[in-house]
Amino acid sequence: MAIVTNPILPGFNPDPSICRVGDDYYIATSTFEWFPGVQI
């Protein structure tokens, strides 16, 4: 498993949420470009 100690996300990423599924992690942020939203 790769470990990232300080990930940097370029751009504007408000309201981050971390989702864990088994051993995998996903990040979801608010978007104002895709309205009303996109599926995760």
PDB file of N, CA and C in Angstrom:
ATOM      1  N   MET A   1       0.827  -1.166   0.000  1.00  0.00           N
ATOM      2  CA  MET A   1       0.000   0.000   0.000  1.00  0.00           C
ATOM      3  C   MET A   1       0.879   1.239   0.000  1.00  0.00           C
ATOM      4  N   ALA A   2       0.633   2.154  -0.924  1.00  0.00           N
ATOM      5  CA  ALA A   2       1.369   3.410  -0.980  1.00  0.00           C
ATOM      6  C   ALA A   2       0.835   4.365   0.079  1.00  0.00           C
ATOM      7  N   ILE A   3       1.726   5.080   0.729  1.00  0.00           N
ATOM      8  CA  ILE A   3       1.333   6.039   1.752  1.00  0.00           C
ATOM      9  C   ILE A   3       1.719   7.431   1.284  1.00  0.00           C
ATOM     10  N   VAL A   4       0.760   8.328   1.291  1.00  0.00           N
ATOM     11  CA  VAL A   4       0.997   9.720   0.942  1.00  0.00           C
ATOM     12  C   VAL A   4       0.862  10.524   2.224  1.00  0.00           C
ATOM     13  N   THR A   5       1.922  11.206   2.611  1.00  0.00           N
ATOM     14  CA  THR A   5       1.890  11.907   3.886  1.00  0.00           C
ATOM     15  C   THR A   5       1.287  13.301   3.788  1.00  0.00           C
ATOM     16  N   ASN A   6       1.401  13.956   2.648  1.00  0.00           N
ATOM     17  CA  ASN A   6       0.878  15.308   2.509  1.00  0.00           C
ATOM     18  C   ASN A   6       0.387  15.515   1.079  1.00  0.00           C
ATOM     19  N   PRO A   7      -0.768  14.967   0.737  1.00  0.00           N
ATOM     20  CA  PRO A   7      -1.249  15.129  -0.637  1.00  0.00           C
ATOM     21  C   PRO A   7      -1.638  16.576  -0.915  1.00  0.00           C
ATOM     22  N   ILE A   8      -1.337  17.038  -2.114  1.00  0.00           N
ATOM     23  CA  ILE A   8      -1.695  18.392  -2.527  1.00  0.00           C
ATOM     24  C   ILE A   8      -2.622  18.289  -3.724  1.00  0.00           C
ATOM     25  N   LEU A   9      -3.802  18.857  -3.601  1.00  0.00           N
ATOM     26  CA  LEU A   9      -4.767  18.874  -4.690  1.00  0.00           C
ATOM     27  C   LEU A   9      -4.750  20.249  -5.333  1.00  0.00           C
ATOM     28  N   PRO A  10      -4.392  20.338  -6.614  1.00  0.00           N
ATOM     29  CA  PRO A  10      -4.357  21.643  -7.260  1.00  0.00           C
ATOM     30  C   PRO A  10      -5.765  22.185  -7.474  1.00  0.00           C
ATOM     31  N   GLY A  11      -5.884  23.493  -7.494  1.00  0.00           N
ATOM     32  CA  GLY A  11      -7.172  24.109  -7.785  1.00  0.00           C
ATOM     33  C   GLY A  11      -7.992  24.366  -6.538  1.00  0.00           C
ATOM     34  N   PHE A  12      -9.279  24.568  -6.750  1.00  0.00           N
ATOM     35  CA  PHE A  12     -10.232  24.909  -5.692  1.00  0.00           C
ATOM     36  C   PHE A  12     -11.006  23.655  -5.324  1.00  0.00           C
ATOM     37  N   ASN A  13     -10.832  23.149  -4.112  1.00  0.00           N
ATOM     38  CA  ASN A  13     -11.460  21.901  -3.667  1.00  0.00           C
ATOM     39  C   ASN A  13     -12.131  22.094  -2.311  1.00  0.00           C
ATOM     40  N   PRO A  14     -13.297  22.761  -2.282  1.00  0.00           N
ATOM     41  CA  PRO A  14     -13.949  23.027  -1.002  1.00  0.00           C
ATOM     42  C   PRO A  14     -14.661  21.796  -0.443  1.00  0.00           C
ATOM     43  N   ASP A  15     -14.847  21.787   0.856  1.00  0.00           N
ATOM     44  CA  ASP A  15     -15.634  20.765   1.561  1.00  0.00           C
ATOM     45  C   ASP A  15     -15.196  19.334   1.252  1.00  0.00           C
ATOM     46  N   PRO A  16     -13.922  18.985   1.450  1.00  0.00           N
ATOM     47  CA  PRO A  16     -13.487  17.622   1.128  1.00  0.00           C
ATOM     48  C   PRO A  16     -14.106  16.580   2.061  1.00  0.00           C
ATOM     49  N   SER A  17     -14.456  15.443   1.492  1.00  0.00           N
ATOM     50  CA  SER A  17     -14.958  14.300   2.254  1.00  0.00           C
ATOM     51  C   SER A  17     -14.158  13.078   1.840  1.00  0.00           C
ATOM     52  N   ILE A  18     -13.723  12.286   2.809  1.00  0.00           N
ATOM     53  CA  ILE A  18     -12.969  11.069   2.537  1.00  0.00           C
ATOM     54  C   ILE A  18     -13.905   9.881   2.693  1.00  0.00           C
ATOM     55  N   CYS A  19     -13.911   9.015   1.689  1.00  0.00           N
ATOM     56  CA  CYS A  19     -14.739   7.807   1.720  1.00  0.00           C
ATOM     57  C   CYS A  19     -13.810   6.600   1.659  1.00  0.00           C
ATOM     58  N   ARG A  20     -14.042   5.628   2.520  1.00  0.00           N
ATOM     59  CA  ARG A  20     -13.233   4.409   2.522  1.00  0.00           C
ATOM     60  C   ARG A  20     -14.110   3.238   2.110  1.00  0.00           C
ATOM     61  N   VAL A  21     -13.613   2.466   1.142  1.00  0.00           N
ATOM     62  CA  VAL A  21     -14.284   1.248   0.692  1.00  0.00           C
ATOM     63  C   VAL A  21     -13.245   0.137   0.748  1.00  0.00           C
ATOM     64  N   GLY A  22     -13.336  -0.704   1.760  1.00  0.00           N
ATOM     65  CA  GLY A  22     -12.317  -1.743   1.940  1.00  0.00           C
ATOM     66  C   GLY A  22     -10.972  -1.109   2.234  1.00  0.00           C
ATOM     67  N   ASP A  23      -9.976  -1.415   1.409  1.00  0.00           N
ATOM     68  CA  ASP A  23      -8.643  -0.838   1.567  1.00  0.00           C
ATOM     69  C   ASP A  23      -8.427   0.393   0.705  1.00  0.00           C
ATOM     70  N   ASP A  24      -9.442   0.818  -0.042  1.00  0.00           N
ATOM     71  CA  ASP A  24      -9.327   1.962  -0.947  1.00  0.00           C
ATOM     72  C   ASP A  24      -9.942   3.207  -0.323  1.00  0.00           C
ATOM     73  N   TYR A  25      -9.346   4.348  -0.610  1.00  0.00           N
ATOM     74  CA  TYR A  25      -9.841   5.632  -0.124  1.00  0.00           C
ATOM     75  C   TYR A  25     -10.164   6.518  -1.321  1.00  0.00           C
ATOM     76  N   TYR A  26     -11.244   7.277  -1.205  1.00  0.00           N
ATOM     77  CA  TYR A  26     -11.665   8.201  -2.249  1.00  0.00           C
ATOM     78  C   TYR A  26     -11.915   9.557  -1.615  1.00  0.00           C
ATOM     79  N   ILE A  27     -11.669  10.613  -2.380  1.00  0.00           N
ATOM     80  CA  ILE A  27     -11.963  11.952  -1.898  1.00  0.00           C
ATOM     81  C   ILE A  27     -13.027  12.556  -2.806  1.00  0.00           C
ATOM     82  N   ALA A  28     -13.973  13.215  -2.192  1.00  0.00           N
ATOM     83  CA  ALA A  28     -15.025  13.915  -2.933  1.00  0.00           C
ATOM     84  C   ALA A  28     -15.062  15.351  -2.430  1.00  0.00           C
ATOM     85  N   THR A  29     -15.141  16.298  -3.346  1.00  0.00           N
ATOM     86  CA  THR A  29     -15.211  17.709  -2.970  1.00  0.00           C
ATOM     87  C   THR A  29     -16.412  18.354  -3.633  1.00  0.00           C
ATOM     88  N   SER A  30     -16.800  19.493  -3.096  1.00  0.00           N
ATOM     89  CA  SER A  30     -17.887  20.251  -3.716  1.00  0.00           C
ATOM     90  C   SER A  30     -17.447  20.739  -5.085  1.00  0.00           C
ATOM     91  N   THR A  31     -18.394  20.896  -5.971  1.00  0.00           N
ATOM     92  CA  THR A  31     -18.095  21.433  -7.288  1.00  0.00           C
ATOM     93  C   THR A  31     -19.175  22.419  -7.681  1.00  0.00           C
ATOM     94  N   PHE A  32     -18.762  23.476  -8.310  1.00  0.00           N
ATOM     95  CA  PHE A  32     -19.717  24.459  -8.801  1.00  0.00           C
ATOM     96  C   PHE A  32     -19.777  24.411 -10.325  1.00  0.00           C
ATOM     97  N   GLU A  33     -18.978  23.531 -10.929  1.00  0.00           N
ATOM     98  CA  GLU A  33     -18.965  23.385 -12.383  1.00  0.00           C
ATOM     99  C   GLU A  33     -19.937  22.316 -12.848  1.00  0.00           C
ATOM    100  N   TRP A  34     -20.182  21.305 -12.029  1.00  0.00           N
ATOM    101  CA  TRP A  34     -21.092  20.212 -12.367  1.00  0.00           C
ATOM    102  C   TRP A  34     -22.324  20.331 -11.480  1.00  0.00           C
ATOM    103  N   PHE A  35     -23.390  20.867 -12.015  1.00  0.00           N
ATOM    104  CA  PHE A  35     -24.607  21.053 -11.222  1.00  0.00           C
ATOM    105  C   PHE A  35     -25.715  20.232 -11.822  1.00  0.00           C
ATOM    106  N   PRO A  36     -26.476  19.463 -11.107  1.00  0.00           N
ATOM    107  CA  PRO A  36     -26.523  19.418  -9.651  1.00  0.00           C
ATOM    108  C   PRO A  36     -25.471  18.523  -9.022  1.00  0.00           C
ATOM    109  N   GLY A  37     -24.659  17.833  -9.806  1.00  0.00           N
ATOM    110  CA  GLY A  37     -23.587  17.018  -9.234  1.00  0.00           C
ATOM    111  C   GLY A  37     -23.258  15.841 -10.132  1.00  0.00           C
ATOM    112  N   VAL A  38     -22.260  15.094  -9.729  1.00  0.00           N
ATOM    113  CA  VAL A  38     -21.855  13.891 -10.452  1.00  0.00           C
ATOM    114  C   VAL A  38     -21.866  12.726  -9.478  1.00  0.00           C
ATOM    115  N   GLN A  39     -22.054  11.528  -9.987  1.00  0.00           N
ATOM    116  CA  GLN A  39     -22.070  10.348  -9.132  1.00  0.00           C
ATOM    117  C   GLN A  39     -20.657   9.969  -8.722  1.00  0.00           C
ATOM    118  N   ILE A  40     -20.540   9.440  -7.538  1.00  0.00           N
ATOM    119  CA  ILE A  40     -19.241   8.950  -7.053  1.00  0.00           C
ATOM    120  C   ILE A  40     -19.210   7.458  -7.252  1.00  0.00           C
TER     121      ILE A  40
END
